[in-house]
Amino acid sequence: MGERLRGKVALITGAGKGIGREAAVLFAREGAHVVAADIDGAAATETVARAEAEGGAALAAVGDVAVEADVERMIAEGARRFGGLSILYNNAGVLWKDRDRSVLETDGQWW
């Protein structure tokens, strides 16, 4: 197991598959505690199993990054379990066709 991220706690959104899953496993391999956040609980749990197989500590946090209360809960779960957060890897994306707008037109509530 690597040491580059030892003592760090990383919340990774979209960690249930693809790039998010691979990032979670790599972060765990490098010593980070990982909060694997995804809308799909089974996929997040599989990511946790893979991260733990690399010798890391991980937690599955289920929620939708488009729902502010879910995001707040996922952050709180990770902070409670691991004592804080030091890295946020925003991998999950949100797209609403009826709300398509430029970044300059986007207010804080939409984010």
C-alpha atoms as a PDB file:
ATOM      1  CA  MET A   1       0.000   0.000   0.000  1.00  0.00           C
ATOM      2  CA  GLY A   2       1.240   3.486  -0.853  1.00  0.00           C
ATOM      3  CA  GLU A   3       1.757   6.372   1.505  1.00  0.00           C
ATOM      4  CA  ARG A   4       1.032   9.494  -0.582  1.00  0.00           C
ATOM      5  CA  LEU A   5      -2.499   9.924   0.801  1.00  0.00           C
ATOM      6  CA  ARG A   6      -2.024   8.441   4.281  1.00  0.00           C
ATOM      7  CA  GLY A   7      -4.106  10.349   6.821  1.00  0.00           C
ATOM      8  CA  LYS A   8      -6.330  11.916   4.161  1.00  0.00           C
ATOM      9  CA  VAL A   9     -10.067  11.356   3.816  1.00  0.00           C
ATOM     10  CA  ALA A  10     -11.458  11.533   0.278  1.00  0.00           C
ATOM     11  CA  LEU A  11     -15.121  11.791  -0.690  1.00  0.00           C
ATOM     12  CA  ILE A  12     -15.461  10.639  -4.295  1.00  0.00           C
ATOM     13  CA  THR A  13     -18.785  11.179  -6.060  1.00  0.00           C
ATOM     14  CA  GLY A  14     -19.836   8.818  -8.822  1.00  0.00           C
ATOM     15  CA  ALA A  15     -17.661   6.156  -7.195  1.00  0.00           C
ATOM     16  CA  GLY A  16     -19.942   3.271  -8.144  1.00  0.00           C
ATOM     17  CA  LYS A  17     -18.328   2.591 -11.509  1.00  0.00           C
ATOM     18  CA  GLY A  18     -15.905   3.763 -14.151  1.00  0.00           C
ATOM     19  CA  ILE A  19     -13.477   6.575 -13.383  1.00  0.00           C
ATOM     20  CA  GLY A  20     -14.993   7.177  -9.942  1.00  0.00           C
ATOM     21  CA  ARG A  21     -14.531   3.551  -8.904  1.00  0.00           C
ATOM     22  CA  GLU A  22     -10.976   3.421 -10.190  1.00  0.00           C
ATOM     23  CA  ALA A  23     -10.159   6.689  -8.394  1.00  0.00           C
ATOM     24  CA  ALA A  24     -11.579   5.304  -5.135  1.00  0.00           C
ATOM     25  CA  VAL A  25      -9.492   2.138  -5.415  1.00  0.00           C
ATOM     26  CA  LEU A  26      -6.357   4.124  -6.284  1.00  0.00           C
ATOM     27  CA  PHE A  27      -6.885   6.570  -3.404  1.00  0.00           C
ATOM     28  CA  ALA A  28      -7.309   3.619  -1.018  1.00  0.00           C
ATOM     29  CA  ARG A  29      -4.180   1.991  -2.427  1.00  0.00           C
ATOM     30  CA  GLU A  30      -2.310   5.227  -1.677  1.00  0.00           C
ATOM     31  CA  GLY A  31      -3.482   5.223   1.950  1.00  0.00           C
ATOM     32  CA  ALA A  32      -6.569   7.459   1.954  1.00  0.00           C
ATOM     33  CA  HIS A  33      -9.788   6.649   3.764  1.00  0.00           C
ATOM     34  CA  VAL A  34     -12.451   6.725   1.040  1.00  0.00           C
ATOM     35  CA  VAL A  35     -16.090   7.760   1.110  1.00  0.00           C
ATOM     36  CA  ALA A  36     -17.453   6.099  -2.047  1.00  0.00           C
ATOM     37  CA  ALA A  37     -20.526   8.184  -2.882  1.00  0.00           C
ATOM     38  CA  ASP A  38     -22.963   7.067  -5.555  1.00  0.00           C
ATOM     39  CA  ILE A  39     -26.670   7.059  -6.344  1.00  0.00           C
ATOM     40  CA  ASP A  40     -26.457   3.261  -6.722  1.00  0.00           C
ATOM     41  CA  GLY A  41     -25.925   1.722  -3.291  1.00  0.00           C
ATOM     42  CA  ALA A  42     -24.958  -1.718  -4.585  1.00  0.00           C
ATOM     43  CA  ALA A  43     -22.322  -0.207  -6.869  1.00  0.00           C
ATOM     44  CA  ALA A  44     -20.934   1.947  -4.036  1.00  0.00           C
ATOM     45  CA  THR A  45     -20.743  -1.135  -1.810  1.00  0.00           C
ATOM     46  CA  GLU A  46     -18.816  -3.018  -4.513  1.00  0.00           C
ATOM     47  CA  THR A  47     -16.375  -0.112  -4.742  1.00  0.00           C
ATOM     48  CA  VAL A  48     -15.886  -0.242  -0.961  1.00  0.00           C
ATOM     49  CA  ALA A  49     -15.092  -3.969  -1.202  1.00  0.00           C
ATOM     50  CA  ARG A  50     -12.493  -3.286  -3.888  1.00  0.00           C
ATOM     51  CA  ALA A  51     -10.961  -0.399  -1.923  1.00  0.00           C
ATOM     52  CA  GLU A  52     -10.756  -2.532   1.217  1.00  0.00           C
ATOM     53  CA  ALA A  53      -9.134  -5.332  -0.799  1.00  0.00           C
ATOM     54  CA  GLU A  54      -6.331  -2.825  -1.469  1.00  0.00           C
ATOM     55  CA  GLY A  55      -5.875  -2.452   2.282  1.00  0.00           C
ATOM     56  CA  GLY A  56      -7.781   0.806   2.638  1.00  0.00           C
ATOM     57  CA  ALA A  57     -10.707   1.847   4.801  1.00  0.00           C
ATOM     58  CA  ALA A  58     -13.849   2.847   2.932  1.00  0.00           C
ATOM     59  CA  LEU A  59     -17.491   3.743   3.439  1.00  0.00           C
ATOM     60  CA  ALA A  60     -20.380   3.579   0.958  1.00  0.00           C
ATOM     61  CA  ALA A  61     -22.478   6.757   0.999  1.00  0.00           C
ATOM     62  CA  VAL A  62     -25.652   6.560  -1.065  1.00  0.00           C
ATOM     63  CA  GLY A  63     -27.185   9.722  -2.460  1.00  0.00           C
ATOM     64  CA  ASP A  64     -27.892  11.961  -5.430  1.00  0.00           C
ATOM     65  CA  VAL A  65     -25.448  14.846  -5.934  1.00  0.00           C
ATOM     66  CA  ALA A  66     -28.326  16.855  -7.412  1.00  0.00           C
ATOM     67  CA  VAL A  67     -30.081  16.817  -4.018  1.00  0.00           C
ATOM     68  CA  GLU A  68     -28.476  19.188  -1.509  1.00  0.00           C
ATOM     69  CA  ALA A  69     -29.694  17.233   1.537  1.00  0.00           C
ATOM     70  CA  ASP A  70     -28.114  14.042   0.139  1.00  0.00           C
ATOM     71  CA  VAL A  71     -24.794  15.823  -0.367  1.00  0.00           C
ATOM     72  CA  GLU A  72     -24.862  17.218   3.171  1.00  0.00           C
ATOM     73  CA  ARG A  73     -25.633  13.748   4.552  1.00  0.00           C
ATOM     74  CA  MET A  74     -22.846  12.056   2.561  1.00  0.00           C
ATOM     75  CA  ILE A  75     -20.338  14.643   3.805  1.00  0.00           C
ATOM     76  CA  ALA A  76     -21.539  14.214   7.399  1.00  0.00           C
ATOM     77  CA  GLU A  77     -21.328  10.406   7.194  1.00  0.00           C
ATOM     78  CA  GLY A  78     -17.762  10.549   5.948  1.00  0.00           C
ATOM     79  CA  ALA A  79     -16.692  13.146   8.495  1.00  0.00           C
ATOM     80  CA  ARG A  80     -18.319  11.207  11.333  1.00  0.00           C
ATOM     81  CA  ARG A  81     -16.712   7.903  10.313  1.00  0.00           C
ATOM     82  CA  PHE A  82     -13.225   9.179   9.508  1.00  0.00           C
ATOM     83  CA  GLY A  83     -12.951  12.398  11.539  1.00  0.00           C
ATOM     84  CA  GLY A  84     -13.204  14.939   8.721  1.00  0.00           C
ATOM     85  CA  LEU A  85     -12.717  15.373   4.983  1.00  0.00           C
ATOM     86  CA  SER A  86      -9.581  16.543   3.225  1.00  0.00           C
ATOM     87  CA  ILE A  87     -10.239  15.721  -0.443  1.00  0.00           C
ATOM     88  CA  LEU A  88     -13.375  16.137  -2.538  1.00  0.00           C
ATOM     89  CA  TYR A  89     -13.262  14.426  -5.947  1.00  0.00           C
ATOM     90  CA  ASN A  90     -16.288  15.668  -7.894  1.00  0.00           C
ATOM     91  CA  ASN A  91     -16.667  12.905 -10.448  1.00  0.00           C
ATOM     92  CA  ALA A  92     -20.478  12.641 -10.688  1.00  0.00           C
ATOM     93  CA  GLY A  93     -22.219  14.960 -13.091  1.00  0.00           C
ATOM     94  CA  VAL A  94     -25.678  16.451 -13.190  1.00  0.00           C
ATOM     95  CA  LEU A  95     -27.506  17.416 -16.355  1.00  0.00           C
ATOM     96  CA  TRP A  96     -31.015  18.740 -16.553  1.00  0.00           C
ATOM     97  CA  LYS A  97     -32.120  19.377 -20.114  1.00  0.00           C
ATOM     98  CA  ASP A  98     -34.813  21.835 -19.041  1.00  0.00           C
ATOM     99  CA  ARG A  99     -32.267  23.875 -17.063  1.00  0.00           C
ATOM    100  CA  ASP A 100     -29.434  24.045 -19.561  1.00  0.00           C
ATOM    101  CA  ARG A 101     -27.537  27.318 -19.096  1.00  0.00           C
ATOM    102  CA  SER A 102     -24.029  28.694 -19.092  1.00  0.00           C
ATOM    103  CA  VAL A 103     -21.906  28.686 -15.959  1.00  0.00           C
ATOM    104  CA  LEU A 104     -22.271  32.473 -15.753  1.00  0.00           C
ATOM    105  CA  GLU A 105     -26.068  32.135 -15.627  1.00  0.00           C
ATOM    106  CA  THR A 106     -26.034  29.484 -12.918  1.00  0.00           C
ATOM    107  CA  ASP A 107     -26.945  30.531  -9.382  1.00  0.00           C
ATOM    108  CA  GLY A 108     -25.830  28.861  -6.143  1.00  0.00           C
ATOM    109  CA  GLN A 109     -29.124  27.075  -5.586  1.00  0.00           C
ATOM    110  CA  TRP A 110     -28.801  25.210  -8.901  1.00  0.00           C
ATOM    111  CA  TRP A 111     -25.309  24.002  -8.017  1.00  0.00           C
END
